[in-house]
Protein backbone atom coordinates (compact mmCIF):
# COMPACT_ATOMS: atom_id res chain seq x y z
CA MET A 1 -9.04 -10.61 -84.53
CA ALA A 2 -9.91 -7.23 -85.99
CA ARG A 3 -7.41 -4.23 -84.99
CA LYS A 4 -9.26 -1.94 -83.01
CA THR A 5 -9.17 2.13 -84.20
CA ILE A 6 -10.49 4.79 -82.61
CA ARG A 7 -13.81 4.72 -83.56
CA SER A 8 -14.14 0.88 -82.15
CA ILE A 9 -13.12 1.45 -78.67
CA PRO A 10 -15.77 2.67 -76.02
CA GLN A 11 -16.12 6.44 -76.38
CA GLN A 12 -15.97 6.98 -72.89
CA ARG A 13 -14.08 5.99 -69.41
CA ALA A 14 -14.78 3.74 -67.46
CA ASP A 15 -16.63 5.30 -64.07
CA MET A 16 -14.97 5.27 -60.90
CA PRO A 17 -17.17 5.82 -58.03
CA VAL A 18 -15.97 8.13 -55.23
CA GLN A 19 -16.89 8.71 -52.09
CA GLU A 20 -19.83 12.42 -51.49
CA PRO A 21 -17.72 15.33 -51.22
CA GLU A 22 -19.30 16.52 -47.92
CA ILE A 23 -19.08 13.11 -46.56
CA ARG A 24 -15.84 12.70 -47.73
CA ALA A 25 -14.35 15.76 -46.25
CA ARG A 26 -14.67 14.85 -42.46
CA ASN A 27 -13.45 11.36 -42.74
CA PHE A 28 -10.27 9.38 -43.45
CA ASP A 29 -11.42 6.86 -45.56
CA GLU A 30 -10.49 6.23 -49.56
CA VAL A 31 -11.69 9.04 -51.56
CA ALA A 32 -11.62 6.94 -55.54
CA LEU A 33 -12.93 3.15 -54.61
CA GLY A 34 -11.74 2.37 -57.78
CA PHE A 35 -12.96 -0.02 -60.44
CA ASP A 36 -15.14 -3.49 -60.41
CA LEU A 37 -14.21 -6.02 -62.67
CA GLU A 38 -16.98 -4.69 -65.71
CA ASN A 39 -15.62 -1.80 -65.21
CA ALA A 40 -11.85 -2.19 -65.63
CA LEU A 41 -12.70 -4.84 -68.76
CA LEU A 42 -14.77 -2.16 -70.18
CA GLU A 43 -11.40 0.41 -69.85
CA CYS A 44 -8.77 -2.61 -70.74
CA GLU A 45 -11.30 -2.62 -74.58
CA ARG A 46 -10.61 1.06 -74.87
CA CYS A 47 -6.98 0.15 -75.29
CA LEU A 48 -5.45 0.19 -78.91
CA MET A 49 -3.01 -2.55 -78.43
CA CYS A 50 0.06 -0.01 -80.57
CA PRO A 51 2.51 -1.94 -82.39
CA GLN A 52 4.84 0.64 -81.10
CA PRO A 53 3.43 1.33 -77.78
CA ALA A 54 4.43 5.36 -76.18
CA CYS A 55 3.30 4.38 -72.79
CA ILE A 56 5.88 2.25 -72.19
CA GLU A 57 8.57 4.84 -72.98
CA GLY A 58 6.06 7.48 -70.60
CA CYS A 59 6.53 4.79 -67.88
CA PRO A 60 9.45 5.66 -65.48
CA VAL A 61 9.95 2.02 -65.02
CA LYS A 62 8.69 1.21 -68.55
CA ILE A 63 6.03 -1.37 -67.13
CA ASP A 64 4.46 -3.27 -70.49
CA ILE A 65 1.05 -1.85 -70.50
CA PRO A 66 -0.15 -3.17 -73.43
CA GLY A 67 1.09 -6.62 -72.12
CA PHE A 68 -0.24 -6.73 -68.92
CA ILE A 69 -3.84 -4.97 -70.44
CA SER A 70 -3.92 -7.96 -72.68
CA LYS A 71 -3.86 -10.54 -70.23
CA MET A 72 -6.53 -8.59 -68.37
CA LEU A 73 -8.27 -9.07 -71.44
CA GLU A 74 -8.11 -12.61 -71.63
CA LYS A 75 -9.29 -12.79 -67.52
CA ASP A 76 -6.32 -13.54 -66.74
CA PHE A 77 -5.87 -11.48 -63.91
CA ARG A 78 -2.94 -13.51 -62.13
CA GLY A 79 -0.85 -13.37 -65.34
CA ALA A 80 -1.56 -9.67 -65.65
CA TYR A 81 -0.38 -8.75 -62.55
CA GLU A 82 3.13 -10.96 -63.02
CA HIS A 83 3.46 -9.28 -66.09
CA MET A 84 3.05 -6.10 -64.41
CA THR A 85 5.14 -6.79 -61.64
CA ASP A 86 8.15 -7.91 -63.74
CA ALA A 87 8.55 -3.58 -64.00
CA THR A 88 6.84 -2.19 -60.70
CA GLN A 89 7.05 -3.51 -56.93
CA LEU A 90 4.42 -0.88 -56.19
CA PRO A 91 1.13 -1.75 -58.26
CA ALA A 92 -1.15 -0.76 -55.68
CA VAL A 93 0.62 2.85 -54.60
CA CYS A 94 1.81 3.82 -57.50
CA GLY A 95 -2.68 3.31 -59.21
CA ARG A 96 -2.90 5.85 -56.73
CA VAL A 97 -0.55 8.29 -56.63
CA CYS A 98 1.54 8.71 -59.88
CA PRO A 99 0.22 11.35 -62.14
CA GLN A 100 -0.13 8.85 -65.16
CA GLU A 101 -1.66 12.47 -66.95
CA ASP A 102 2.05 13.75 -67.47
CA GLN A 103 3.62 10.72 -68.08
CA CYS A 104 2.03 7.18 -69.07
CA GLU A 105 -1.37 8.62 -69.83
CA GLY A 106 -0.26 11.43 -71.25
CA VAL A 107 1.07 9.45 -74.44
CA CYS A 108 -1.50 7.48 -74.94
CA ALA A 109 -2.54 7.92 -78.43
CA VAL A 110 -5.69 6.99 -77.40
CA GLY A 111 -5.97 10.55 -76.43
CA ALA A 112 -3.45 12.05 -78.48
CA GLY A 113 -5.62 14.75 -80.57
CA THR A 114 -9.17 12.60 -80.57
CA GLY A 115 -11.33 14.33 -78.15
CA LEU A 116 -11.58 11.18 -76.37
CA GLU A 117 -9.57 10.77 -72.77
CA PRO A 118 -6.44 8.26 -72.50
CA VAL A 119 -7.07 5.11 -71.34
CA ALA A 120 -6.92 4.89 -67.47
CA ILE A 121 -3.92 3.09 -67.31
CA GLY A 122 -2.97 4.04 -63.33
CA ARG A 123 -7.04 2.97 -62.29
CA LEU A 124 -6.11 -0.22 -64.08
CA GLU A 125 -2.61 -0.86 -62.43
CA ARG A 126 -4.47 -0.09 -59.16
CA PHE A 127 -7.17 -3.01 -59.54
CA LEU A 128 -4.68 -5.42 -60.19
CA GLY A 129 -2.73 -4.66 -57.28
CA ASP A 130 -5.58 -4.27 -55.30
CA MET A 131 -6.80 -7.52 -56.38
CA ALA A 132 -3.09 -9.69 -55.66
CA ILE A 133 -3.45 -7.91 -52.09
CA LYS A 134 -7.12 -9.39 -52.13
CA GLU A 135 -6.29 -12.59 -53.03
CA GLY A 136 -2.87 -12.85 -51.35
CA TRP A 137 -0.44 -13.23 -54.35
CA GLN A 138 3.38 -12.41 -54.30
CA LYS A 139 5.29 -12.09 -57.36
CA SER A 140 6.82 -15.70 -58.12
CA ALA A 141 10.86 -15.23 -57.95
CA GLN A 142 13.69 -17.95 -57.83
CA ILE A 143 16.23 -16.28 -56.47
CA GLU A 144 19.59 -17.94 -56.42
CA PRO A 145 21.72 -16.22 -53.35
CA ASN A 146 25.14 -15.09 -54.08
CA ARG A 147 28.05 -13.81 -51.67
CA PHE A 148 27.29 -10.41 -52.00
CA ARG A 149 25.73 -7.91 -48.83
CA VAL A 150 23.86 -4.30 -50.09
CA ALA A 151 22.62 -1.53 -47.57
CA ILE A 152 19.76 0.47 -48.33
CA VAL A 153 18.97 4.19 -46.74
CA GLY A 154 15.89 4.65 -46.80
CA SER A 155 12.63 2.98 -47.01
CA GLY A 156 10.92 5.07 -49.48
CA PRO A 157 9.94 4.32 -52.97
CA ALA A 158 13.02 4.33 -54.11
CA GLY A 159 14.77 2.50 -51.65
CA MET A 160 11.81 -0.30 -51.71
CA ALA A 161 12.69 -0.45 -55.78
CA CYS A 162 16.27 -1.13 -55.14
CA ALA A 163 15.65 -3.04 -52.68
CA ALA A 164 13.44 -5.47 -54.79
CA ASP A 165 15.62 -6.14 -57.90
CA LEU A 166 18.67 -6.56 -55.77
CA ALA A 167 17.14 -9.04 -53.66
CA LYS A 168 15.77 -11.39 -56.92
CA ALA A 169 19.65 -10.90 -57.98
CA GLY A 170 20.72 -12.80 -55.09
CA CYS A 171 22.36 -10.26 -52.90
CA ALA A 172 21.42 -10.23 -48.89
CA VAL A 173 19.81 -6.71 -48.91
CA THR A 174 19.29 -4.45 -45.59
CA ILE A 175 17.03 -1.62 -45.35
CA TYR A 176 17.72 1.03 -42.76
CA GLU A 177 15.05 3.20 -41.94
CA ALA A 178 15.25 6.29 -39.27
CA PHE A 179 11.48 6.32 -38.59
CA HIS A 180 9.85 3.43 -36.53
CA VAL A 181 7.47 1.91 -38.90
CA PRO A 182 9.17 1.65 -43.20
CA GLY A 183 7.59 2.66 -45.89
CA GLY A 184 8.66 6.54 -45.91
CA VAL A 185 6.96 9.06 -48.00
CA LEU A 186 4.20 6.87 -48.46
CA ARG A 187 3.92 6.50 -45.08
CA TYR A 188 4.42 9.74 -43.35
CA GLY A 189 3.80 12.20 -46.85
CA ILE A 190 0.78 11.24 -48.12
CA PRO A 191 -2.88 10.85 -46.06
CA GLU A 192 -5.21 7.50 -45.77
CA PHE A 193 -7.46 9.27 -48.12
CA ARG A 194 -5.34 8.80 -50.94
CA LEU A 195 -3.36 5.84 -49.94
CA PRO A 196 -4.30 3.67 -47.26
CA LYS A 197 -1.82 2.57 -44.90
CA SER A 198 -3.13 -1.31 -45.71
CA VAL A 199 -2.02 -1.03 -49.43
CA VAL A 200 1.52 0.61 -48.03
CA ASP A 201 1.73 -2.57 -45.51
CA ALA A 202 0.82 -4.85 -48.19
CA GLU A 203 3.70 -4.05 -50.46
CA ILE A 204 5.77 -3.75 -47.64
CA ALA A 205 4.95 -7.47 -46.76
CA ASN A 206 6.03 -8.73 -50.93
CA LEU A 207 9.49 -6.71 -49.83
CA LYS A 208 9.93 -9.11 -47.07
CA ALA A 209 9.05 -12.18 -48.98
CA LEU A 210 12.32 -11.29 -50.91
CA GLY A 211 14.22 -11.94 -48.03
CA VAL A 212 14.94 -8.44 -47.27
CA ASP A 213 15.75 -7.24 -44.02
CA ILE A 214 14.30 -3.58 -42.39
CA GLN A 215 15.80 -2.44 -39.48
CA CYS A 216 13.55 0.80 -38.18
CA ASN A 217 14.50 3.20 -35.81
CA THR A 218 18.03 3.56 -37.60
CA LEU A 219 19.27 7.09 -38.32
CA VAL A 220 22.42 6.58 -40.77
CA GLY A 221 24.98 9.35 -40.21
CA ARG A 222 24.09 9.36 -36.42
CA LEU A 223 24.66 5.36 -35.13
CA PHE A 224 27.00 4.96 -37.95
CA THR A 225 28.12 6.56 -41.46
CA ILE A 226 28.02 5.46 -45.01
CA ASP A 227 32.12 4.91 -44.80
CA GLN A 228 31.14 2.42 -41.86
CA MET A 229 28.90 0.83 -43.08
CA LEU A 230 31.60 0.14 -46.33
CA ASP A 231 34.81 -0.03 -43.85
CA ASP A 232 33.55 -1.84 -41.08
CA MET A 233 29.87 -3.59 -41.70
CA GLY A 234 31.02 -5.01 -44.23
CA TYR A 235 28.25 -4.12 -47.19
CA ASP A 236 29.55 -4.68 -50.58
CA ALA A 237 27.77 -1.94 -52.14
CA VAL A 238 25.16 0.88 -50.79
CA PHE A 239 22.15 2.62 -51.98
CA ILE A 240 21.37 6.05 -50.41
CA GLY A 241 17.01 6.79 -51.07
CA VAL A 242 16.60 8.97 -48.51
CA GLY A 243 14.49 11.65 -50.34
CA ALA A 244 14.41 15.30 -49.03
CA GLY A 245 12.57 16.17 -46.71
CA THR A 246 14.10 19.94 -44.98
CA PRO A 247 10.91 22.30 -45.69
CA HIS A 248 11.33 25.53 -47.08
CA PHE A 249 9.99 28.87 -45.70
CA MET A 250 9.84 32.58 -47.05
CA ASP A 251 12.06 34.10 -44.25
CA ILE A 252 9.44 36.61 -43.80
CA PRO A 253 8.16 38.57 -40.96
CA GLY A 254 6.73 36.21 -37.95
CA GLU A 255 7.66 32.78 -39.47
CA ASN A 256 8.57 32.41 -35.50
CA LEU A 257 4.78 32.77 -34.10
CA ASN A 258 3.22 29.63 -32.59
CA GLY A 259 0.43 28.61 -34.94
CA VAL A 260 3.36 28.73 -38.11
CA LEU A 261 4.20 24.85 -39.28
CA SER A 262 5.33 23.02 -42.64
CA ALA A 263 3.37 20.73 -44.50
CA ASN A 264 5.55 17.69 -43.49
CA GLU A 265 5.26 18.85 -39.64
CA LEU A 266 1.49 18.62 -40.45
CA LEU A 267 1.08 15.02 -42.37
CA THR A 268 4.09 13.25 -40.85
CA ARG A 269 1.70 13.97 -37.27
CA CYS A 270 -1.14 13.29 -38.93
CA ASN A 271 -0.23 10.23 -41.12
CA LEU A 272 2.60 8.37 -38.67
CA MET A 273 1.76 9.64 -35.18
CA HIS A 274 -2.07 9.61 -35.49
CA ALA A 275 -2.64 13.69 -34.70
CA GLY A 276 -6.50 12.35 -36.02
CA ASP A 277 -7.15 10.44 -32.91
CA PHE A 278 -6.17 13.12 -30.01
CA PRO A 279 -6.45 12.34 -27.08
CA LYS A 280 -6.48 8.84 -27.96
CA PHE A 281 -3.25 9.23 -28.92
CA ASP A 282 -0.45 12.08 -27.42
CA THR A 283 -0.21 13.86 -30.41
CA PRO A 284 -2.04 17.39 -30.45
CA LEU A 285 -1.80 19.45 -33.68
CA GLY A 286 -4.60 22.20 -32.06
CA LEU A 287 -4.90 24.34 -35.89
CA GLY A 288 -7.77 26.42 -34.91
CA LYS A 289 -10.60 27.33 -37.13
CA ARG A 290 -9.24 28.44 -39.90
CA VAL A 291 -6.03 27.48 -41.92
CA ALA A 292 -3.80 28.88 -44.82
CA VAL A 293 -1.64 26.59 -46.91
CA ILE A 294 1.02 28.62 -49.01
CA GLY A 295 1.71 26.83 -52.00
CA SER A 296 -0.45 24.27 -54.58
CA GLY A 297 1.42 21.10 -55.32
CA ASN A 298 0.40 17.75 -54.28
CA THR A 299 1.84 17.94 -51.07
CA ALA A 300 -0.33 21.29 -50.68
CA MET A 301 -3.14 19.26 -51.38
CA ASP A 302 -2.76 16.73 -48.97
CA ALA A 303 -2.06 19.45 -46.39
CA MET A 304 -5.51 21.58 -47.00
CA ARG A 305 -7.79 18.56 -47.39
CA VAL A 306 -6.08 17.03 -43.95
CA SER A 307 -6.82 20.34 -41.46
CA LEU A 308 -10.33 20.14 -43.20
CA ARG A 309 -10.58 16.60 -41.97
CA LEU A 310 -8.72 18.02 -38.72
CA GLY A 311 -11.75 19.79 -37.76
CA ALA A 312 -10.40 22.92 -39.45
CA GLU A 313 -13.89 25.29 -40.36
CA GLN A 314 -12.24 27.34 -42.88
CA VAL A 315 -9.42 26.19 -45.53
CA HIS A 316 -7.26 28.67 -47.94
CA CYS A 317 -4.65 27.74 -50.49
CA ILE A 318 -2.85 30.71 -51.18
CA TYR A 319 -0.79 30.60 -54.38
CA ARG A 320 1.34 33.43 -56.33
CA ARG A 321 0.66 32.55 -59.92
CA SER A 322 -3.02 31.45 -61.55
CA GLU A 323 -5.00 28.11 -61.48
CA ILE A 324 -3.58 27.29 -65.13
CA GLU A 325 0.30 27.09 -63.17
CA CYS A 326 -1.18 24.94 -60.57
CA PRO A 327 1.27 22.25 -60.13
CA ALA A 328 -0.92 19.44 -58.41
CA ARG A 329 -2.96 16.76 -60.50
CA LYS A 330 -5.57 17.69 -61.75
CA GLU A 331 -7.51 14.88 -60.17
CA GLU A 332 -6.25 16.33 -56.74
CA LEU A 333 -7.34 20.00 -57.16
CA HIS A 334 -10.51 19.05 -58.42
CA HIS A 335 -11.38 16.99 -55.03
CA ALA A 336 -10.25 19.74 -53.02
CA GLN A 337 -12.43 22.40 -54.71
CA GLU A 338 -14.96 19.78 -54.26
CA GLU A 339 -14.47 19.66 -50.96
CA GLY A 340 -14.98 23.46 -50.17
CA ILE A 341 -10.89 24.33 -49.64
CA GLU A 342 -10.85 28.43 -50.71
CA PHE A 343 -8.14 28.91 -53.19
CA HIS A 344 -6.57 32.40 -53.50
CA TRP A 345 -4.61 32.58 -56.79
CA LEU A 346 -2.49 35.19 -58.08
CA THR A 347 -1.59 35.90 -54.12
CA ASN A 348 1.82 36.38 -51.94
CA PRO A 349 1.92 35.94 -48.34
CA VAL A 350 4.44 38.77 -47.46
CA GLU A 351 3.79 38.88 -43.41
CA ILE A 352 2.42 36.43 -41.06
CA LEU A 353 0.61 38.49 -38.05
CA GLY A 354 0.45 37.97 -34.51
CA ASP A 355 -0.87 38.45 -31.33
CA ALA A 356 -0.21 39.92 -28.21
CA ASN A 357 0.51 36.09 -27.01
CA ASN A 358 2.79 35.51 -29.86
CA ASN A 359 0.03 32.99 -32.04
CA VAL A 360 -1.07 33.73 -35.40
CA ARG A 361 -4.18 35.52 -35.41
CA GLY A 362 -4.01 36.49 -39.50
CA ILE A 363 -1.69 36.87 -42.66
CA ARG A 364 -0.82 39.40 -44.56
CA CYS A 365 -0.86 39.43 -48.80
CA VAL A 366 -0.71 41.31 -51.83
CA GLN A 367 -2.45 40.73 -54.93
CA MET A 368 0.35 39.49 -57.88
CA GLU A 369 -0.21 39.40 -61.53
CA LEU A 370 1.99 37.46 -64.33
CA GLY A 371 4.87 38.94 -65.92
CA GLU A 372 7.07 37.33 -68.91
CA PRO A 373 8.21 33.71 -68.14
CA ASP A 374 11.47 32.48 -65.86
CA ASN A 375 13.35 30.01 -66.37
CA SER A 376 10.93 27.14 -65.62
CA GLY A 377 9.20 28.09 -68.70
CA ARG A 378 6.62 29.56 -66.42
CA ARG A 379 5.25 33.26 -66.45
CA ARG A 380 6.66 35.07 -63.36
CA PRO A 381 4.50 36.60 -60.59
CA VAL A 382 4.90 40.17 -60.10
CA ALA A 383 3.69 42.02 -57.13
CA VAL A 384 0.81 44.92 -57.74
CA GLU A 385 1.39 47.86 -56.10
CA GLY A 386 -0.39 48.92 -53.36
CA SER A 387 -2.93 45.38 -53.28
CA GLU A 388 -2.05 44.68 -49.92
CA PHE A 389 -5.14 43.17 -47.83
CA ASP A 390 -5.09 40.85 -44.32
CA PHE A 391 -7.43 37.21 -43.79
CA GLU A 392 -7.41 36.03 -39.95
CA ALA A 393 -5.74 32.70 -39.50
CA ASP A 394 -5.26 30.89 -36.76
CA THR A 395 -2.56 28.88 -38.68
CA VAL A 396 -0.53 29.02 -41.37
CA VAL A 397 1.36 26.00 -42.92
CA TYR A 398 4.09 26.28 -45.24
CA ALA A 399 4.21 23.62 -48.75
CA ILE A 400 6.52 25.61 -50.83
CA GLY A 401 9.15 22.71 -51.52
CA THR A 402 12.16 20.79 -49.49
CA SER A 403 15.60 20.28 -49.55
CA PRO A 404 18.32 17.24 -48.78
CA ASN A 405 18.31 16.45 -44.87
CA PRO A 406 22.26 17.61 -44.45
CA ILE A 407 23.27 14.74 -41.79
CA LEU A 408 24.47 12.32 -44.64
CA GLY A 409 26.46 14.80 -45.89
CA GLN A 410 27.36 16.55 -42.66
CA THR A 411 29.01 12.78 -41.44
CA SER A 412 30.53 11.31 -45.25
CA SER A 413 32.71 12.44 -47.85
CA ILE A 414 30.38 11.80 -50.12
CA GLY A 415 30.58 14.46 -52.74
CA LEU A 416 27.40 16.97 -53.50
CA ASN A 417 26.05 19.63 -55.77
CA LYS A 418 25.68 23.38 -54.65
CA TRP A 419 22.29 22.97 -53.59
CA GLY A 420 23.43 20.20 -51.25
CA TYR A 421 21.55 16.87 -53.37
CA ILE A 422 23.73 14.15 -53.48
CA ASP A 423 26.20 14.23 -56.65
CA THR A 424 26.10 11.23 -58.95
CA ASP A 425 26.58 10.18 -62.29
CA ASP A 426 24.84 8.72 -65.48
CA ASP A 427 24.70 5.38 -63.35
CA LEU A 428 24.00 7.34 -60.46
CA SER A 429 26.97 6.25 -58.70
CA THR A 430 28.52 9.22 -56.31
CA SER A 431 31.78 10.07 -55.63
CA LEU A 432 32.60 7.03 -52.89
CA ALA A 433 33.38 3.73 -54.62
CA GLY A 434 30.12 1.25 -54.35
CA VAL A 435 28.00 3.83 -53.20
CA TYR A 436 24.60 4.59 -55.43
CA ALA A 437 22.41 7.50 -54.80
CA GLY A 438 18.54 8.29 -56.13
CA GLY A 439 14.87 9.50 -56.24
CA ASP A 440 14.58 13.14 -54.31
CA ILE A 441 18.34 12.96 -52.68
CA VAL A 442 19.30 13.34 -56.02
CA THR A 443 16.75 15.47 -58.19
CA GLY A 444 14.89 17.18 -55.93
CA ALA A 445 10.97 16.62 -55.22
CA ALA A 446 9.74 14.35 -58.06
CA THR A 447 7.08 11.77 -57.97
CA VAL A 448 6.45 8.11 -56.87
CA ILE A 449 7.11 6.21 -59.93
CA LYS A 450 10.00 8.20 -61.05
CA ALA A 451 11.86 7.64 -57.51
CA MET A 452 11.07 3.91 -57.87
CA GLY A 453 12.44 4.18 -61.44
CA ALA A 454 16.20 6.06 -60.12
CA GLY A 455 15.89 2.62 -57.65
CA ARG A 456 15.88 0.56 -60.06
CA LYS A 457 18.38 2.44 -62.13
CA ALA A 458 20.93 1.97 -59.19
CA ALA A 459 20.33 -1.47 -58.48
CA ASP A 460 20.98 -2.57 -62.33
CA SER A 461 24.06 -0.32 -62.01
CA ILE A 462 24.94 -2.03 -58.57
CA ARG A 463 24.81 -5.43 -60.47
CA ARG A 464 27.40 -4.45 -63.00
CA TYR A 465 29.82 -3.05 -60.00
CA LEU A 466 29.70 -6.26 -58.23
CA GLY A 467 29.85 -8.12 -61.60
CA LEU A 468 26.74 -9.90 -61.72
CA ARG A 469 25.31 -10.90 -64.60
CA ASP A 470 22.11 -9.60 -66.17
CA THR A 471 19.76 -12.40 -66.51
CA ASN A 472 17.47 -10.83 -69.18
CA VAL A 473 20.47 -11.05 -71.75
CA ILE A 474 21.66 -14.29 -72.19
CA TYR A 475 25.27 -13.67 -74.31
CA GLU A 476 26.98 -10.67 -74.30
CA PRO A 477 28.60 -9.84 -77.70
CA GLU A 478 32.75 -11.29 -77.90
CA THR A 479 35.78 -8.97 -76.81
CA SER A 480 37.22 -7.75 -80.24
CA ASP A 481 40.63 -7.04 -78.96
CA PHE A 482 42.52 -7.73 -75.78
CA GLU A 483 42.10 -3.55 -74.85
CA ASN A 484 38.62 -4.62 -73.59
CA SER A 485 39.78 -7.51 -71.61
CA LEU A 486 42.19 -7.68 -68.68
CA PHE A 487 44.40 -10.83 -68.27
CA GLY A 488 41.76 -12.26 -70.65
CA ILE A 489 38.89 -11.44 -68.62
CA ASP A 490 36.34 -9.58 -70.01
CA LEU A 491 35.93 -5.89 -68.40
CA ALA A 492 32.15 -6.88 -67.93
CA GLU A 493 32.88 -9.84 -66.00
CA HIS A 494 35.41 -8.15 -63.99
CA CYS A 495 34.57 -7.20 -59.43
CA PHE A 496 35.81 -4.32 -57.73
CA THR A 497 37.13 -4.21 -54.20
CA ARG A 498 37.22 -1.49 -51.79
CA ILE A 499 41.07 -0.06 -51.15
CA ARG A 500 41.33 2.32 -47.54
CA GLN A 501 43.88 4.99 -48.55
CA ILE A 502 45.51 5.27 -44.57
């Protein structure tokens, strides 16, 4: 077969249909409708099958992207799914919500200085993930049980990825989840119109099929501590992947008024507690007609678009930088603009205004201009003197970042950094022997796929800690000297035991 070139491949991305803006803005049905078979295969033809594919390195979990695309071109879709899920536990999820434009697609050779759009890798991943759900495929795995028990704290993407790899290695894995249903941020933080809960349910079912036990309504740090899990409950290792869900506020006047809430609360009440179905479910929100959301990341976009679907007549985005610096995915920003969200760029709130009954009635802002770059590399916003103005609002939603929940740090001896996140080394090992951590609880807010990458990295570290051989490595190099062995046993083969000092 002749080698593909930029000129020989289809020049345009395959079309993926979406709901019309005026229709989707009033329902929670999925916005992007996915590839059909014809368009999926057309998009596969755009892959150059690079001999040294940068897209693999651009993927946090190192999916062999040309590998699964080549199987799709052969119409071996089950084989493509099996190949892809060697690296990812959540293809139907990541294909929808991951920022591929900054990762695998961002380094795709098709889009590198050619004037063409990169291969739509995320949409192809979603296509396979959806096909697997529809056909009832599950990743086959020959699991040989071992004697080790591992606990996972948190059932979000980091915990799910770690649990899957350790279950495949033969460990007895139990996930502890604080909420009444598993899924973590996939469940409570991402709206139905971006990630249907049926997709999350299907991916969790795949995890359970590997033998993973999930215990909900279990708040680690209150019912029992991390130390107790190792000492009293008999776990050989623990992975912490609880995310970072404590919202940030600005500490400006008026934040104690009725009608001020965080995006986390808004999304949780809608996604997990059925606020959109009030009064069928007793979770009223009472957003009013005018909603102002502070921030412009992906969480802010979700909060604004949810507010629109919950009946708000006007939804405003307030962001202190310009549209160029907007941190949200371009697709999410585009969809929000199409749906009628009003964006106030270079605008910063300085006070939330209340009425005689302590309810929000408006918000006072100042115009900003961009100065010199700050530590993030973005130009620092500076207030324009005398530019204050007010506009009306019934609800103000904060979406300006999160911090870790302090419970785990307060109830265990685990080491934290100065910001309150769990401190780890390069292997994601914490200050407690046998305890590992990854995802937002270590790095701060990041993406689903990066959390999954951390979960997989931690699983690899836990395997080494427990002395489990990596089945992908058949032979290890021979030990060259006695210093690298203990009583003649290679150090890579030894196991650990916890000793409690009294």
